[in-house]
Amino acid sequence: MRGTFSESEEKLLKKCALGRICTIDAHGYPHCVRVDFLYSEGLVYVGSKVPRLWHGHISENPKVAFEIDVYERGDDGLFDFRGLMVKGEAHQVAKSEERRKAMKLLQDRHPGAPFGDNPIVVRIIPRKRYRWGPWNKTA
């Protein structure tokens, strides 16, 4: 969904390489893991060489949260802590042009990452977003 993010939020999504995806297990408990991701054209893509526990969760319940943050010392000596959480739906991308394009972008973004020859690609469609920290910074 384009238009979900401000320009500064998009810059942070493009700057960060690691995020956290949070799914809901069969018992209703959250499950959060670190993932390599890519932001492109309003969507978040996650790649994986092998099936993970959270892949099973999204096939049962596609509702997810996805989070990124930055914690850096600014030029003024103060720490910059900003975060962005997206709530939306996650779905595996079937064999398609979208999957091929997403995989190429993921490999370019994360050179040397062990995605393998036939990776699992998941698309997160943002529905809501929440942010915290001093967003007067541009990225």
N, C-alpha and C. Protein backbone atom coordinates (compact mmCIF):
# COMPACT_ATOMS: atom_id res chain seq x y z
N MET A 1 0.86 -1.17 0.00
CA MET A 1 0.00 0.00 0.00
C MET A 1 0.90 1.23 0.00
N ARG A 2 0.98 1.90 -1.09
CA ARG A 2 1.79 3.11 -1.18
C ARG A 2 1.13 4.23 -0.41
N GLY A 3 1.96 5.15 0.06
CA GLY A 3 1.42 6.28 0.79
C GLY A 3 1.27 6.04 2.28
N THR A 4 1.63 4.85 2.74
CA THR A 4 1.52 4.54 4.17
C THR A 4 2.60 5.26 4.97
N PHE A 5 3.76 5.48 4.37
CA PHE A 5 4.91 6.01 5.09
C PHE A 5 5.26 7.41 4.64
N SER A 6 5.77 8.19 5.61
CA SER A 6 6.29 9.52 5.29
C SER A 6 7.66 9.35 4.61
N GLU A 7 8.18 10.44 4.08
CA GLU A 7 9.48 10.40 3.43
C GLU A 7 10.57 9.98 4.42
N SER A 8 10.54 10.50 5.64
CA SER A 8 11.57 10.15 6.63
C SER A 8 11.44 8.68 7.06
N GLU A 9 10.22 8.16 7.13
CA GLU A 9 10.03 6.75 7.47
C GLU A 9 10.56 5.85 6.35
N GLU A 10 10.30 6.24 5.10
CA GLU A 10 10.83 5.46 3.97
C GLU A 10 12.36 5.47 3.98
N LYS A 11 12.97 6.61 4.31
CA LYS A 11 14.43 6.67 4.39
C LYS A 11 14.95 5.71 5.44
N LEU A 12 14.29 5.63 6.59
CA LEU A 12 14.73 4.71 7.63
C LEU A 12 14.53 3.26 7.20
N LEU A 13 13.42 2.96 6.54
CA LEU A 13 13.18 1.60 6.04
C LEU A 13 14.26 1.19 5.03
N LYS A 14 14.73 2.13 4.25
CA LYS A 14 15.77 1.83 3.26
C LYS A 14 17.16 1.78 3.90
N LYS A 15 17.34 2.48 5.01
CA LYS A 15 18.63 2.51 5.71
C LYS A 15 18.87 1.23 6.51
N CYS A 16 17.86 0.77 7.21
CA CYS A 16 18.01 -0.39 8.09
C CYS A 16 18.10 -1.68 7.28
N ALA A 17 18.92 -2.60 7.72
CA ALA A 17 19.07 -3.88 7.05
C ALA A 17 18.41 -5.01 7.82
N LEU A 18 18.26 -4.82 9.13
CA LEU A 18 17.69 -5.86 9.98
C LEU A 18 16.39 -5.38 10.58
N GLY A 19 15.43 -6.27 10.66
CA GLY A 19 14.15 -5.97 11.29
C GLY A 19 13.71 -7.14 12.13
N ARG A 20 12.55 -7.02 12.72
CA ARG A 20 11.97 -8.10 13.52
C ARG A 20 10.55 -8.33 13.04
N ILE A 21 10.23 -9.59 12.76
CA ILE A 21 8.86 -9.93 12.40
C ILE A 21 8.24 -10.65 13.60
N CYS A 22 7.04 -10.27 13.92
CA CYS A 22 6.33 -10.86 15.05
C CYS A 22 5.04 -11.50 14.52
N THR A 23 4.91 -12.79 14.79
CA THR A 23 3.76 -13.56 14.37
C THR A 23 3.02 -14.05 15.61
N ILE A 24 1.91 -14.71 15.40
CA ILE A 24 1.13 -15.28 16.51
C ILE A 24 1.11 -16.80 16.33
N ASP A 25 1.50 -17.52 17.37
CA ASP A 25 1.52 -18.98 17.25
C ASP A 25 0.12 -19.57 17.46
N ALA A 26 0.01 -20.87 17.35
CA ALA A 26 -1.28 -21.56 17.44
C ALA A 26 -1.96 -21.40 18.80
N HIS A 27 -1.18 -21.04 19.81
CA HIS A 27 -1.73 -20.85 21.15
C HIS A 27 -2.03 -19.39 21.46
N GLY A 28 -1.84 -18.52 20.47
CA GLY A 28 -2.13 -17.09 20.65
C GLY A 28 -1.00 -16.27 21.23
N TYR A 29 0.20 -16.87 21.32
CA TYR A 29 1.35 -16.15 21.87
C TYR A 29 2.18 -15.51 20.76
N PRO A 30 2.75 -14.34 21.03
CA PRO A 30 3.61 -13.72 20.01
C PRO A 30 4.93 -14.46 19.86
N HIS A 31 5.46 -14.41 18.66
CA HIS A 31 6.74 -15.03 18.32
C HIS A 31 7.49 -14.00 17.47
N CYS A 32 8.61 -13.47 17.97
CA CYS A 32 9.36 -12.41 17.28
C CYS A 32 10.76 -12.89 16.96
N VAL A 33 11.18 -12.67 15.71
CA VAL A 33 12.53 -13.06 15.29
C VAL A 33 13.14 -11.97 14.42
N ARG A 34 14.46 -11.94 14.44
CA ARG A 34 15.21 -11.01 13.60
C ARG A 34 15.25 -11.55 12.18
N VAL A 35 15.10 -10.65 11.19
CA VAL A 35 15.12 -11.06 9.79
C VAL A 35 15.85 -10.03 8.94
N ASP A 36 16.46 -10.51 7.85
CA ASP A 36 16.96 -9.63 6.81
C ASP A 36 15.75 -9.23 5.99
N PHE A 37 15.67 -7.95 5.64
CA PHE A 37 14.49 -7.51 4.90
C PHE A 37 14.86 -6.48 3.86
N LEU A 38 13.87 -6.14 3.06
CA LEU A 38 14.01 -5.13 2.03
C LEU A 38 12.70 -4.38 1.94
N TYR A 39 12.78 -3.05 1.84
CA TYR A 39 11.60 -2.23 1.61
C TYR A 39 11.61 -1.79 0.16
N SER A 40 10.50 -2.02 -0.55
CA SER A 40 10.42 -1.64 -1.95
C SER A 40 8.98 -1.33 -2.32
N GLU A 41 8.76 -0.14 -2.85
CA GLU A 41 7.46 0.26 -3.38
C GLU A 41 6.31 0.04 -2.41
N GLY A 42 6.54 0.43 -1.15
CA GLY A 42 5.48 0.38 -0.16
C GLY A 42 5.30 -0.96 0.53
N LEU A 43 6.11 -1.96 0.17
CA LEU A 43 6.01 -3.30 0.75
C LEU A 43 7.31 -3.70 1.41
N VAL A 44 7.22 -4.62 2.37
CA VAL A 44 8.40 -5.18 3.03
C VAL A 44 8.52 -6.63 2.58
N TYR A 45 9.73 -7.02 2.15
CA TYR A 45 9.99 -8.39 1.73
C TYR A 45 11.02 -9.01 2.66
N VAL A 46 10.80 -10.29 3.00
CA VAL A 46 11.71 -11.05 3.85
C VAL A 46 12.05 -12.33 3.11
N GLY A 47 13.33 -12.69 3.08
CA GLY A 47 13.76 -13.92 2.41
C GLY A 47 14.34 -14.90 3.40
N SER A 48 14.20 -16.20 3.08
CA SER A 48 14.72 -17.25 3.95
C SER A 48 15.10 -18.47 3.11
N LYS A 49 16.21 -19.09 3.46
CA LYS A 49 16.66 -20.27 2.74
C LYS A 49 15.79 -21.49 3.04
N VAL A 50 15.36 -21.61 4.28
CA VAL A 50 14.58 -22.78 4.71
C VAL A 50 13.32 -22.34 5.45
N PRO A 51 12.34 -23.21 5.53
CA PRO A 51 11.13 -22.86 6.30
C PRO A 51 11.48 -22.62 7.76
N ARG A 52 10.89 -21.59 8.31
CA ARG A 52 11.07 -21.25 9.72
C ARG A 52 9.75 -21.41 10.44
N LEU A 53 9.80 -21.44 11.75
CA LEU A 53 8.59 -21.59 12.56
C LEU A 53 7.56 -20.52 12.22
N TRP A 54 8.02 -19.29 12.04
CA TRP A 54 7.10 -18.19 11.78
C TRP A 54 6.40 -18.31 10.43
N HIS A 55 6.99 -19.04 9.47
CA HIS A 55 6.30 -19.27 8.18
C HIS A 55 5.00 -20.04 8.41
N GLY A 56 5.05 -21.01 9.30
CA GLY A 56 3.83 -21.77 9.64
C GLY A 56 2.79 -20.89 10.30
N HIS A 57 3.26 -19.97 11.14
CA HIS A 57 2.32 -19.07 11.82
C HIS A 57 1.56 -18.22 10.82
N ILE A 58 2.26 -17.67 9.80
CA ILE A 58 1.55 -16.78 8.86
C ILE A 58 0.61 -17.54 7.94
N SER A 59 0.84 -18.83 7.76
CA SER A 59 -0.10 -19.59 6.94
C SER A 59 -1.40 -19.83 7.72
N GLU A 60 -1.33 -19.82 9.04
CA GLU A 60 -2.52 -19.96 9.88
C GLU A 60 -3.17 -18.61 10.20
N ASN A 61 -2.32 -17.60 10.42
CA ASN A 61 -2.80 -16.27 10.77
C ASN A 61 -1.84 -15.25 10.14
N PRO A 62 -2.24 -14.60 9.05
CA PRO A 62 -1.32 -13.71 8.34
C PRO A 62 -1.05 -12.37 9.03
N LYS A 63 -1.73 -12.08 10.13
CA LYS A 63 -1.51 -10.80 10.82
C LYS A 63 -0.14 -10.81 11.50
N VAL A 64 0.64 -9.76 11.21
CA VAL A 64 2.00 -9.66 11.75
C VAL A 64 2.27 -8.23 12.20
N ALA A 65 3.33 -8.10 12.97
CA ALA A 65 3.94 -6.80 13.23
C ALA A 65 5.37 -6.92 12.73
N PHE A 66 5.89 -5.82 12.24
CA PHE A 66 7.26 -5.76 11.76
C PHE A 66 7.87 -4.49 12.34
N GLU A 67 9.10 -4.59 12.89
CA GLU A 67 9.68 -3.45 13.60
C GLU A 67 11.12 -3.25 13.17
N ILE A 68 11.50 -1.97 13.06
CA ILE A 68 12.89 -1.57 12.86
C ILE A 68 13.19 -0.44 13.83
N ASP A 69 14.47 -0.28 14.15
CA ASP A 69 14.85 0.86 14.99
C ASP A 69 16.29 1.23 14.71
N VAL A 70 16.64 2.42 15.14
CA VAL A 70 18.01 2.91 15.01
C VAL A 70 18.39 3.52 16.36
N TYR A 71 19.63 3.30 16.75
CA TYR A 71 20.16 3.82 18.00
C TYR A 71 21.58 4.29 17.70
N GLU A 72 21.74 5.58 17.48
CA GLU A 72 23.03 6.13 17.06
C GLU A 72 23.34 7.41 17.82
N ARG A 73 24.63 7.68 17.96
CA ARG A 73 25.04 8.95 18.55
C ARG A 73 25.04 9.99 17.43
N GLY A 74 24.32 11.07 17.65
CA GLY A 74 24.23 12.14 16.66
C GLY A 74 25.42 13.06 16.70
N ASP A 75 25.49 13.99 15.76
CA ASP A 75 26.57 14.98 15.70
C ASP A 75 26.63 15.83 16.95
N ASP A 76 25.48 16.00 17.60
CA ASP A 76 25.40 16.82 18.81
C ASP A 76 25.80 16.04 20.07
N GLY A 77 26.19 14.76 19.89
CA GLY A 77 26.60 13.93 21.01
C GLY A 77 25.45 13.21 21.71
N LEU A 78 24.24 13.54 21.34
CA LEU A 78 23.07 12.88 21.92
C LEU A 78 22.71 11.64 21.11
N PHE A 79 22.08 10.69 21.78
CA PHE A 79 21.68 9.49 21.08
C PHE A 79 20.37 9.71 20.34
N ASP A 80 20.33 9.19 19.14
CA ASP A 80 19.13 9.21 18.30
C ASP A 80 18.51 7.83 18.39
N PHE A 81 17.34 7.75 18.96
CA PHE A 81 16.63 6.48 19.02
C PHE A 81 15.27 6.67 18.38
N ARG A 82 15.10 6.05 17.24
CA ARG A 82 13.81 6.09 16.56
C ARG A 82 13.41 4.68 16.19
N GLY A 83 12.12 4.44 16.19
CA GLY A 83 11.63 3.14 15.80
C GLY A 83 10.36 3.27 14.97
N LEU A 84 10.12 2.24 14.20
CA LEU A 84 8.94 2.18 13.34
C LEU A 84 8.38 0.77 13.41
N MET A 85 7.10 0.66 13.74
CA MET A 85 6.43 -0.63 13.76
C MET A 85 5.30 -0.60 12.73
N VAL A 86 5.23 -1.65 11.96
CA VAL A 86 4.19 -1.81 10.95
C VAL A 86 3.32 -2.98 11.36
N LYS A 87 2.02 -2.79 11.26
CA LYS A 87 1.09 -3.91 11.43
C LYS A 87 0.44 -4.17 10.09
N GLY A 88 0.34 -5.44 9.73
CA GLY A 88 -0.23 -5.77 8.43
C GLY A 88 -0.39 -7.26 8.26
N GLU A 89 -0.45 -7.68 6.99
CA GLU A 89 -0.58 -9.11 6.66
C GLU A 89 0.66 -9.57 5.92
N ALA A 90 1.06 -10.80 6.19
CA ALA A 90 2.21 -11.40 5.52
C ALA A 90 1.76 -12.64 4.75
N HIS A 91 2.29 -12.77 3.54
CA HIS A 91 1.96 -13.91 2.69
C HIS A 91 3.21 -14.33 1.93
N GLN A 92 3.34 -15.64 1.72
CA GLN A 92 4.43 -16.12 0.88
C GLN A 92 4.16 -15.68 -0.54
N VAL A 93 5.22 -15.29 -1.23
CA VAL A 93 5.11 -14.89 -2.63
C VAL A 93 5.36 -16.13 -3.47
N ALA A 94 4.35 -16.53 -4.24
CA ALA A 94 4.46 -17.72 -5.09
C ALA A 94 5.44 -17.43 -6.23
N LYS A 95 5.80 -18.46 -6.94
CA LYS A 95 6.69 -18.29 -8.09
C LYS A 95 6.05 -17.31 -9.06
N SER A 96 6.73 -16.21 -9.28
CA SER A 96 6.17 -15.16 -10.13
C SER A 96 7.25 -14.15 -10.43
N GLU A 97 6.91 -13.18 -11.25
CA GLU A 97 7.83 -12.09 -11.53
C GLU A 97 8.10 -11.28 -10.26
N GLU A 98 7.08 -11.10 -9.43
CA GLU A 98 7.27 -10.38 -8.16
C GLU A 98 8.29 -11.08 -7.29
N ARG A 99 8.21 -12.41 -7.21
CA ARG A 99 9.14 -13.19 -6.39
C ARG A 99 10.57 -13.07 -6.93
N ARG A 100 10.72 -13.18 -8.25
CA ARG A 100 12.04 -13.08 -8.86
C ARG A 100 12.65 -11.70 -8.59
N LYS A 101 11.86 -10.66 -8.76
CA LYS A 101 12.32 -9.30 -8.54
C LYS A 101 12.68 -9.07 -7.06
N ALA A 102 11.81 -9.53 -6.15
CA ALA A 102 12.07 -9.37 -4.71
C ALA A 102 13.34 -10.11 -4.31
N MET A 103 13.55 -11.31 -4.85
CA MET A 103 14.74 -12.08 -4.49
C MET A 103 16.00 -11.38 -4.98
N LYS A 104 15.97 -10.84 -6.18
CA LYS A 104 17.12 -10.10 -6.71
C LYS A 104 17.43 -8.90 -5.82
N LEU A 105 16.40 -8.16 -5.44
CA LEU A 105 16.60 -6.99 -4.57
C LEU A 105 17.12 -7.40 -3.20
N LEU A 106 16.60 -8.49 -2.64
CA LEU A 106 17.09 -8.99 -1.35
C LEU A 106 18.56 -9.38 -1.43
N GLN A 107 18.93 -10.09 -2.50
CA GLN A 107 20.32 -10.50 -2.66
C GLN A 107 21.24 -9.29 -2.84
N ASP A 108 20.77 -8.27 -3.56
CA ASP A 108 21.57 -7.05 -3.73
C ASP A 108 21.71 -6.31 -2.40
N ARG A 109 20.66 -6.31 -1.60
CA ARG A 109 20.66 -5.59 -0.31
C ARG A 109 21.49 -6.32 0.74
N HIS A 110 21.51 -7.65 0.65
CA HIS A 110 22.21 -8.48 1.64
C HIS A 110 23.20 -9.41 0.94
N PRO A 111 24.28 -8.87 0.35
CA PRO A 111 25.23 -9.73 -0.36
C PRO A 111 25.83 -10.78 0.58
N GLY A 112 25.89 -12.00 0.09
CA GLY A 112 26.46 -13.08 0.89
C GLY A 112 25.49 -13.74 1.85
N ALA A 113 24.28 -13.22 1.96
CA ALA A 113 23.29 -13.85 2.85
C ALA A 113 22.91 -15.21 2.27
N PRO A 114 22.74 -16.20 3.13
CA PRO A 114 22.49 -17.57 2.66
C PRO A 114 21.01 -17.81 2.28
N PHE A 115 20.55 -17.16 1.21
CA PHE A 115 19.17 -17.35 0.79
C PHE A 115 18.97 -18.66 0.03
N GLY A 116 20.04 -19.22 -0.54
CA GLY A 116 19.93 -20.48 -1.27
C GLY A 116 19.38 -20.29 -2.68
N ASP A 117 19.18 -21.43 -3.37
CA ASP A 117 18.73 -21.40 -4.76
C ASP A 117 17.22 -21.26 -4.91
N ASN A 118 16.47 -21.68 -3.91
CA ASN A 118 15.00 -21.64 -3.99
C ASN A 118 14.44 -21.07 -2.68
N PRO A 119 14.72 -19.80 -2.43
CA PRO A 119 14.35 -19.23 -1.12
C PRO A 119 12.84 -19.03 -0.97
N ILE A 120 12.45 -18.92 0.27
CA ILE A 120 11.08 -18.55 0.61
C ILE A 120 11.06 -17.03 0.69
N VAL A 121 10.12 -16.41 -0.01
CA VAL A 121 9.99 -14.95 0.01
C VAL A 121 8.62 -14.62 0.59
N VAL A 122 8.61 -13.73 1.56
CA VAL A 122 7.37 -13.31 2.22
C VAL A 122 7.19 -11.81 1.99
N ARG A 123 5.98 -11.44 1.65
CA ARG A 123 5.60 -10.04 1.44
C ARG A 123 4.76 -9.58 2.61
N ILE A 124 5.11 -8.45 3.21
CA ILE A 124 4.31 -7.85 4.27
C ILE A 124 3.59 -6.64 3.67
N ILE A 125 2.28 -6.65 3.77
CA ILE A 125 1.46 -5.54 3.29
C ILE A 125 1.11 -4.67 4.49
N PRO A 126 1.68 -3.48 4.56
CA PRO A 126 1.42 -2.59 5.71
C PRO A 126 -0.03 -2.11 5.74
N ARG A 127 -0.63 -2.11 6.92
CA ARG A 127 -1.98 -1.57 7.10
C ARG A 127 -1.99 -0.40 8.08
N LYS A 128 -1.14 -0.48 9.10
CA LYS A 128 -1.01 0.58 10.10
C LYS A 128 0.46 0.73 10.42
N ARG A 129 0.82 1.91 10.91
CA ARG A 129 2.20 2.10 11.35
C ARG A 129 2.23 2.98 12.58
N TYR A 130 3.22 2.71 13.42
CA TYR A 130 3.43 3.45 14.66
C TYR A 130 4.91 3.80 14.71
N ARG A 131 5.23 4.94 15.26
CA ARG A 131 6.63 5.33 15.35
C ARG A 131 6.90 6.02 16.68
N TRP A 132 8.19 6.04 17.06
CA TRP A 132 8.58 6.70 18.29
C TRP A 132 9.97 7.29 18.10
N GLY A 133 10.29 8.23 18.96
CA GLY A 133 11.59 8.88 18.90
C GLY A 133 11.52 10.21 18.17
N PRO A 134 12.67 10.87 18.03
CA PRO A 134 12.73 12.20 17.41
C PRO A 134 12.74 12.13 15.88
N TRP A 135 11.59 12.24 15.28
CA TRP A 135 11.48 12.10 13.82
C TRP A 135 11.80 13.38 13.06
N ASN A 136 12.39 14.37 13.72
CA ASN A 136 12.83 15.55 12.99
C ASN A 136 14.09 15.26 12.19
N LYS A 137 14.70 14.09 12.42
CA LYS A 137 15.86 13.67 11.64
C LYS A 137 15.35 13.12 10.31
N THR A 138 16.18 13.13 9.28
CA THR A 138 15.73 12.65 7.97
C THR A 138 16.03 11.18 7.77
N ALA A 139 16.98 10.62 8.42
CA ALA A 139 17.26 9.18 8.36
C ALA A 139 18.48 8.90 9.15
